N, C-alpha and C. Protein backbone atom coordinates (compact mmCIF):
# COMPACT_ATOMS: atom_id res chain seq x y z
N ASN A 1 95.27 94.99 112.99
CA ASN A 1 95.62 96.12 113.64
C ASN A 1 96.74 95.53 114.66
N ASP A 2 96.42 94.48 115.36
CA ASP A 2 97.51 93.92 116.40
C ASP A 2 98.83 93.43 115.78
N LEU A 3 98.71 92.89 114.58
CA LEU A 3 100.10 92.34 113.79
C LEU A 3 100.74 93.56 113.28
N SER A 4 100.16 94.89 113.07
CA SER A 4 100.72 95.78 112.49
C SER A 4 101.72 96.73 113.40
N GLN A 5 101.42 96.43 114.79
CA GLN A 5 102.24 97.08 115.67
C GLN A 5 103.41 96.25 116.22
N HIS A 6 104.47 96.84 116.61
CA HIS A 6 105.72 96.09 117.08
C HIS A 6 105.34 95.63 118.45
N HIS A 7 105.75 94.34 118.56
CA HIS A 7 105.21 93.56 119.88
C HIS A 7 105.92 94.17 121.12
N THR A 8 106.95 95.06 121.10
CA THR A 8 107.49 95.66 122.29
C THR A 8 106.74 96.98 122.70
N LYS A 9 105.82 97.14 121.86
CA LYS A 9 105.11 98.56 122.33
C LYS A 9 103.68 98.21 122.67
N ASP A 10 103.16 99.25 123.27
CA ASP A 10 101.75 99.10 123.56
C ASP A 10 100.97 99.05 122.49
N ILE A 11 99.85 97.99 122.61
CA ILE A 11 99.03 97.87 121.40
C ILE A 11 97.76 98.84 121.56
N LEU A 12 97.37 99.69 120.64
CA LEU A 12 96.31 100.53 120.75
C LEU A 12 95.18 99.98 119.78
N PHE A 13 94.05 99.62 120.60
CA PHE A 13 92.92 98.99 119.92
C PHE A 13 92.03 100.14 119.50
N ASP A 14 91.76 100.31 118.08
CA ASP A 14 90.97 101.09 117.55
C ASP A 14 90.02 100.69 116.37
N TRP A 15 88.77 100.47 116.77
CA TRP A 15 87.89 99.92 115.68
C TRP A 15 88.05 100.71 114.18
N ASP A 16 88.00 102.01 114.20
CA ASP A 16 87.84 102.78 113.11
C ASP A 16 89.51 102.46 112.36
N LYS A 17 90.37 102.30 112.83
CA LYS A 17 91.70 102.00 112.29
C LYS A 17 91.70 100.66 111.54
N MET A 18 91.13 99.67 112.52
CA MET A 18 91.07 98.25 112.13
C MET A 18 90.24 98.03 110.80
N LEU A 19 89.18 98.80 110.67
CA LEU A 19 88.19 98.52 109.64
C LEU A 19 88.28 99.55 108.40
N ASN A 20 89.45 100.54 108.62
CA ASN A 20 89.46 101.35 107.61
C ASN A 20 89.97 100.88 106.33
N LEU A 21 89.27 101.13 105.16
CA LEU A 21 89.61 100.66 103.88
C LEU A 21 90.67 101.48 102.98
N LYS A 22 91.12 102.50 103.70
CA LYS A 22 92.12 103.38 103.11
C LYS A 22 93.41 103.48 104.05
N GLY A 23 93.48 102.81 105.02
CA GLY A 23 94.67 103.01 106.05
C GLY A 23 95.34 101.45 105.94
N ASN A 24 96.36 101.39 106.86
CA ASN A 24 97.09 100.27 107.21
C ASN A 24 96.21 99.26 108.11
N SER A 25 95.40 98.59 107.22
CA SER A 25 94.43 97.57 107.92
C SER A 25 94.23 96.52 107.05
N ALA A 26 93.70 95.24 107.72
CA ALA A 26 93.53 94.05 107.06
C ALA A 26 92.58 94.29 105.78
N PRO A 27 91.43 94.97 106.09
CA PRO A 27 90.51 95.25 104.83
C PRO A 27 91.25 95.91 103.80
N TYR A 28 92.15 96.84 103.96
CA TYR A 28 92.80 97.55 102.87
C TYR A 28 93.60 96.62 102.13
N LEU A 29 94.23 95.71 102.75
CA LEU A 29 95.21 94.85 102.04
C LEU A 29 94.38 93.70 101.24
N GLN A 30 93.19 93.22 102.06
CA GLN A 30 92.20 92.37 101.47
C GLN A 30 91.71 92.97 99.99
N TYR A 31 91.20 94.33 100.25
CA TYR A 31 90.65 94.93 99.11
C TYR A 31 91.68 95.14 97.85
N THR A 32 92.93 95.17 98.22
CA THR A 32 93.92 95.28 97.19
C THR A 32 94.11 94.11 96.57
N PHE A 33 94.04 92.99 97.17
CA PHE A 33 94.27 91.52 96.86
C PHE A 33 93.02 91.28 95.92
N ALA A 34 91.86 91.56 96.53
CA ALA A 34 90.55 91.50 95.67
C ALA A 34 90.78 92.24 94.19
N ARG A 35 91.30 93.34 94.28
CA ARG A 35 91.34 94.36 93.08
C ARG A 35 92.35 93.41 92.02
N THR A 36 93.39 92.86 92.62
CA THR A 36 94.38 92.17 91.59
C THR A 36 93.56 91.01 91.09
N GLU A 37 92.79 90.29 92.02
CA GLU A 37 92.05 89.14 91.39
C GLU A 37 91.13 89.35 90.42
N GLY A 38 90.48 90.78 90.44
CA GLY A 38 89.69 91.13 89.56
C GLY A 38 90.26 91.32 88.09
N VAL A 39 91.41 91.97 88.17
CA VAL A 39 92.31 92.14 87.04
C VAL A 39 92.64 90.73 86.44
N ILE A 40 93.05 90.03 87.20
CA ILE A 40 93.49 88.57 86.58
C ILE A 40 92.36 87.85 85.92
N ARG A 41 91.03 87.85 86.71
CA ARG A 41 89.96 87.35 85.97
C ARG A 41 89.64 87.89 84.75
N LYS A 42 89.83 89.17 84.53
CA LYS A 42 89.54 89.71 83.34
C LYS A 42 90.44 89.60 82.07
N THR A 43 91.63 89.24 82.53
CA THR A 43 92.70 89.20 81.51
C THR A 43 93.10 87.91 81.04
N GLY A 44 93.01 86.89 81.78
CA GLY A 44 93.55 85.62 81.34
C GLY A 44 95.04 85.26 81.61
N ASP A 45 95.58 84.26 80.85
CA ASP A 45 96.92 83.90 81.18
C ASP A 45 98.07 84.16 79.96
N SER A 46 97.44 84.69 78.76
CA SER A 46 98.34 84.80 77.66
C SER A 46 98.66 86.20 77.48
N PHE A 47 99.96 86.46 77.46
CA PHE A 47 100.29 87.76 77.23
C PHE A 47 101.91 87.67 77.00
N LYS A 48 102.29 88.86 76.39
CA LYS A 48 103.66 89.12 76.24
C LYS A 48 104.24 90.48 76.69
N VAL A 49 105.29 90.32 77.65
CA VAL A 49 105.85 91.39 78.37
C VAL A 49 106.65 92.16 77.58
N ASN A 50 106.49 93.64 77.58
CA ASN A 50 107.39 94.50 76.83
C ASN A 50 107.81 95.47 77.98
N LEU A 51 109.14 95.41 78.21
CA LEU A 51 109.64 96.60 79.09
C LEU A 51 110.02 97.72 78.71
N ASP A 52 109.90 98.27 77.62
CA ASP A 52 110.27 99.46 76.84
C ASP A 52 109.79 100.66 77.36
N GLN A 53 108.44 100.70 78.09
CA GLN A 53 107.81 101.84 78.33
C GLN A 53 107.40 101.77 79.83
N LEU A 54 108.22 101.48 80.63
CA LEU A 54 108.14 101.41 82.06
C LEU A 54 107.90 102.81 82.54
N THR A 55 106.68 102.96 83.38
CA THR A 55 106.69 104.28 84.04
C THR A 55 107.31 104.36 85.49
N LEU A 56 107.46 105.35 86.18
CA LEU A 56 107.91 105.54 87.46
C LEU A 56 107.01 104.54 88.40
N GLU A 57 105.78 104.60 88.41
CA GLU A 57 104.94 103.83 89.31
C GLU A 57 105.24 102.23 88.98
N ASP A 58 105.44 101.85 87.57
CA ASP A 58 105.69 100.22 87.45
C ASP A 58 107.04 99.95 88.04
N GLU A 59 107.87 100.71 88.01
CA GLU A 59 109.40 100.61 88.60
C GLU A 59 109.16 100.52 90.03
N ILE A 60 108.46 101.35 90.81
CA ILE A 60 108.26 101.27 92.13
C ILE A 60 107.78 99.92 92.66
N VAL A 61 106.60 99.67 92.01
CA VAL A 61 106.08 98.26 92.40
C VAL A 61 106.86 97.16 92.09
N LEU A 62 107.51 97.14 90.95
CA LEU A 62 108.51 95.97 90.61
C LEU A 62 109.63 95.96 91.62
N ARG A 63 110.19 97.10 91.98
CA ARG A 63 111.38 97.19 92.90
C ARG A 63 110.76 96.68 94.38
N LYS A 64 109.63 97.01 94.73
CA LYS A 64 109.01 96.69 96.00
C LYS A 64 108.80 95.03 96.05
N ILE A 65 108.48 94.50 94.96
CA ILE A 65 108.22 93.04 95.08
C ILE A 65 109.34 92.27 95.48
N ARG A 66 110.54 92.81 95.05
CA ARG A 66 111.74 91.89 95.06
C ARG A 66 112.21 91.96 96.46
N PHE A 67 111.80 92.83 97.42
CA PHE A 67 112.21 92.79 98.73
C PHE A 67 111.44 91.81 99.63
N PHE A 68 110.35 91.30 99.19
CA PHE A 68 109.52 90.46 99.99
C PHE A 68 110.02 89.49 100.57
N PRO A 69 110.98 88.44 99.95
CA PRO A 69 111.61 87.34 100.81
C PRO A 69 112.55 87.96 101.86
N SER A 70 113.19 89.03 101.80
CA SER A 70 114.06 89.58 102.75
C SER A 70 113.30 90.16 103.99
N VAL A 71 112.21 90.61 103.76
CA VAL A 71 111.26 91.05 104.78
C VAL A 71 110.68 90.23 105.53
N VAL A 72 110.32 88.93 105.02
CA VAL A 72 109.83 87.72 105.56
C VAL A 72 110.92 87.17 106.51
N LYS A 73 112.08 87.02 105.97
CA LYS A 73 113.25 86.51 106.89
C LYS A 73 113.48 87.50 107.88
N GLU A 74 113.50 88.73 107.87
CA GLU A 74 113.80 89.56 109.15
C GLU A 74 112.57 89.64 109.95
N SER A 75 111.34 89.47 109.54
CA SER A 75 110.19 89.42 110.38
C SER A 75 110.30 88.08 111.19
N ALA A 76 110.77 86.89 110.60
CA ALA A 76 110.75 85.66 111.41
C ALA A 76 112.08 85.71 112.44
N ARG A 77 113.09 86.22 111.97
CA ARG A 77 114.29 86.46 112.83
C ARG A 77 113.88 87.35 113.98
N SER A 78 113.27 88.42 113.75
CA SER A 78 113.03 89.25 114.90
C SER A 78 111.55 89.16 115.66
N PHE A 79 111.00 88.07 115.19
CA PHE A 79 109.64 87.92 115.88
C PHE A 79 108.63 89.11 115.58
N SER A 80 108.63 89.70 114.36
CA SER A 80 108.04 90.89 114.20
C SER A 80 107.21 90.82 112.89
N PRO A 81 105.87 90.32 113.24
CA PRO A 81 104.93 90.15 112.08
C PRO A 81 104.48 91.69 111.59
N ASN A 82 104.80 92.94 112.28
CA ASN A 82 104.31 94.12 111.82
C ASN A 82 105.17 94.41 110.66
N LEU A 83 106.48 93.84 110.32
CA LEU A 83 107.38 94.10 109.15
C LEU A 83 106.57 93.60 107.99
N ILE A 84 105.83 92.51 108.06
CA ILE A 84 105.33 92.00 106.85
C ILE A 84 103.95 92.94 106.73
N CYS A 85 103.24 93.27 107.76
CA CYS A 85 102.23 93.93 107.52
C CYS A 85 102.57 95.40 107.02
N ASN A 86 103.55 96.18 107.37
CA ASN A 86 104.08 97.35 106.92
C ASN A 86 104.54 97.42 105.44
N PHE A 87 105.14 96.02 105.13
CA PHE A 87 105.60 95.93 103.76
C PHE A 87 104.39 95.78 102.72
N LEU A 88 103.34 94.87 103.20
CA LEU A 88 102.16 94.68 102.37
C LEU A 88 101.44 96.01 102.19
N PHE A 89 101.26 96.77 103.38
CA PHE A 89 100.61 98.17 103.22
C PHE A 89 101.31 98.87 102.21
N GLU A 90 102.64 99.20 102.26
CA GLU A 90 103.41 99.90 101.26
C GLU A 90 103.08 99.40 99.88
N LEU A 91 103.32 98.08 99.59
CA LEU A 91 103.03 97.66 98.30
C LEU A 91 101.53 97.85 97.83
N SER A 92 100.78 97.77 98.71
CA SER A 92 99.27 98.10 98.35
C SER A 92 99.08 99.38 97.97
N GLN A 93 99.72 100.26 98.60
CA GLN A 93 99.68 101.74 98.28
C GLN A 93 100.37 102.10 96.96
N ASP A 94 101.50 101.30 96.77
CA ASP A 94 102.19 101.57 95.63
C ASP A 94 101.34 101.04 94.41
N TYR A 95 100.86 99.79 94.67
CA TYR A 95 99.81 99.08 93.40
C TYR A 95 98.67 99.94 93.17
N ASN A 96 97.98 100.45 94.12
CA ASN A 96 96.89 101.21 93.97
C ASN A 96 97.12 102.48 93.43
N SER A 97 98.26 103.17 93.76
CA SER A 97 98.70 104.37 93.04
C SER A 97 98.90 104.11 91.46
N LEU A 98 99.59 102.94 91.13
CA LEU A 98 99.66 102.63 89.77
C LEU A 98 98.34 102.24 89.10
N TYR A 99 97.52 101.58 89.86
CA TYR A 99 96.19 101.41 89.15
C TYR A 99 95.34 102.43 88.90
N GLY A 100 95.45 103.64 89.89
CA GLY A 100 94.84 104.91 89.69
C GLY A 100 95.28 105.74 88.59
N LYS A 101 96.48 105.62 88.29
CA LYS A 101 97.15 106.61 87.12
C LYS A 101 97.33 106.01 85.76
N HIS A 102 97.59 104.65 85.71
CA HIS A 102 97.78 103.95 84.57
C HIS A 102 96.63 102.80 84.27
N LYS A 103 96.42 102.60 82.95
CA LYS A 103 95.69 101.54 82.32
C LYS A 103 96.41 100.09 82.77
N ILE A 104 95.76 99.24 83.43
CA ILE A 104 96.24 97.86 83.58
C ILE A 104 95.81 97.03 82.54
N ILE A 105 94.48 96.88 82.25
CA ILE A 105 94.08 95.79 81.17
C ILE A 105 94.56 96.50 79.83
N GLY A 106 95.23 95.78 79.12
CA GLY A 106 95.76 96.32 77.62
C GLY A 106 97.25 96.37 77.73
N SER A 107 97.79 96.38 79.06
CA SER A 107 99.37 96.50 79.05
C SER A 107 99.69 94.96 79.67
N ASP A 108 100.33 94.26 78.92
CA ASP A 108 100.93 92.97 79.36
C ASP A 108 101.85 93.03 80.33
N PHE A 109 102.80 94.06 80.51
CA PHE A 109 103.66 94.09 81.60
C PHE A 109 102.80 94.30 82.82
N ARG A 110 101.76 95.29 82.77
CA ARG A 110 101.03 95.57 84.15
C ARG A 110 100.19 94.42 84.69
N ILE A 111 99.91 93.74 83.64
CA ILE A 111 99.08 92.44 84.13
C ILE A 111 99.98 91.48 84.76
N ALA A 112 101.22 91.37 84.23
CA ALA A 112 102.19 90.28 84.83
C ALA A 112 102.52 91.07 86.16
N LEU A 113 102.75 92.25 86.16
CA LEU A 113 103.13 93.16 87.64
C LEU A 113 102.06 92.82 88.68
N THR A 114 100.60 92.78 88.10
CA THR A 114 99.60 92.45 88.99
C THR A 114 99.65 91.24 89.44
N LYS A 115 99.96 90.40 88.58
CA LYS A 115 99.98 88.95 89.13
C LYS A 115 101.04 88.66 90.13
N GLY A 116 102.18 89.35 90.01
CA GLY A 116 103.16 89.25 91.00
C GLY A 116 102.73 90.08 92.41
N VAL A 117 102.06 91.10 92.45
CA VAL A 117 101.44 91.78 93.37
C VAL A 117 100.50 90.72 94.13
N ASN A 118 99.69 90.27 93.34
CA ASN A 118 98.69 89.36 93.87
C ASN A 118 99.32 88.22 94.59
N GLN A 119 100.32 87.59 93.99
CA GLN A 119 101.08 86.43 94.79
C GLN A 119 101.56 86.88 96.02
N VAL A 120 102.36 88.14 96.10
CA VAL A 120 102.95 88.46 97.15
C VAL A 120 101.95 88.82 98.51
N LEU A 121 100.78 89.51 97.86
CA LEU A 121 99.77 89.84 98.82
C LEU A 121 99.24 88.44 99.39
N LYS A 122 98.84 87.51 98.68
CA LYS A 122 98.29 86.24 99.01
C LYS A 122 99.46 85.63 99.93
N ASN A 123 100.77 85.48 99.78
CA ASN A 123 101.52 84.97 100.44
C ASN A 123 101.64 85.58 101.84
N GLY A 124 101.96 86.88 101.83
CA GLY A 124 101.87 87.70 103.11
C GLY A 124 100.71 87.63 103.96
N LEU A 125 99.53 87.79 103.24
CA LEU A 125 98.31 87.62 104.13
C LEU A 125 98.18 86.26 104.80
N THR A 126 98.55 85.19 103.97
CA THR A 126 98.58 83.81 104.71
C THR A 126 99.61 83.63 105.71
N LEU A 127 100.73 84.24 105.54
CA LEU A 127 101.60 84.18 106.58
C LEU A 127 101.08 85.01 108.04
N LEU A 128 100.40 85.96 107.78
CA LEU A 128 99.89 86.69 108.96
C LEU A 128 98.50 85.92 109.45
N GLY A 129 98.02 84.95 108.70
CA GLY A 129 96.94 84.36 109.26
C GLY A 129 95.54 85.08 108.82
N ILE A 130 95.61 85.86 107.72
CA ILE A 130 94.43 86.75 107.15
C ILE A 130 93.98 86.27 105.95
N ASP A 131 92.65 86.10 105.94
CA ASP A 131 92.07 85.49 104.60
C ASP A 131 92.29 86.52 103.47
N ALA A 132 92.43 85.95 102.28
CA ALA A 132 92.86 86.72 101.14
C ALA A 132 91.55 86.35 100.16
N PRO A 133 90.53 87.24 100.35
CA PRO A 133 89.31 87.03 99.54
C PRO A 133 89.40 87.51 98.06
N PRO A 134 88.87 86.74 97.00
CA PRO A 134 89.05 86.94 95.70
C PRO A 134 88.08 88.20 95.40
N LYS A 135 87.18 88.46 96.05
CA LYS A 135 86.15 89.35 95.83
C LYS A 135 85.73 90.09 97.09
N MET A 136 85.41 91.56 96.86
CA MET A 136 84.98 92.21 98.29
C MET A 136 83.83 93.12 97.69
């Protein structure tokens, strides 16, 4: 909750917001990380990626992942961890939308995309000092 707010503004302390599994909160980000861990546990490491049938949701998540390094740099430059929080929240929303609309297991591309989301969430949560639990 504290990290998702810009440091120059008043911080609003709200238990409901902090513990919300559907909003911009640490538990929501941790839940999405645990979801990606579950997919990875079920699928293993051997797959062949086919980019021929990407959906809009696939492309949104893929495009979002590529901006992570620049978000981290800007966050460090401006002393604004909220930028990382907001990025991880948007990535989680996009991935959960993909997860809800399309089958992940059975699609080698989506498994690879899930691994990418997993790594970005893990790195982002680590930078923020938030645990990345493999199960919830």
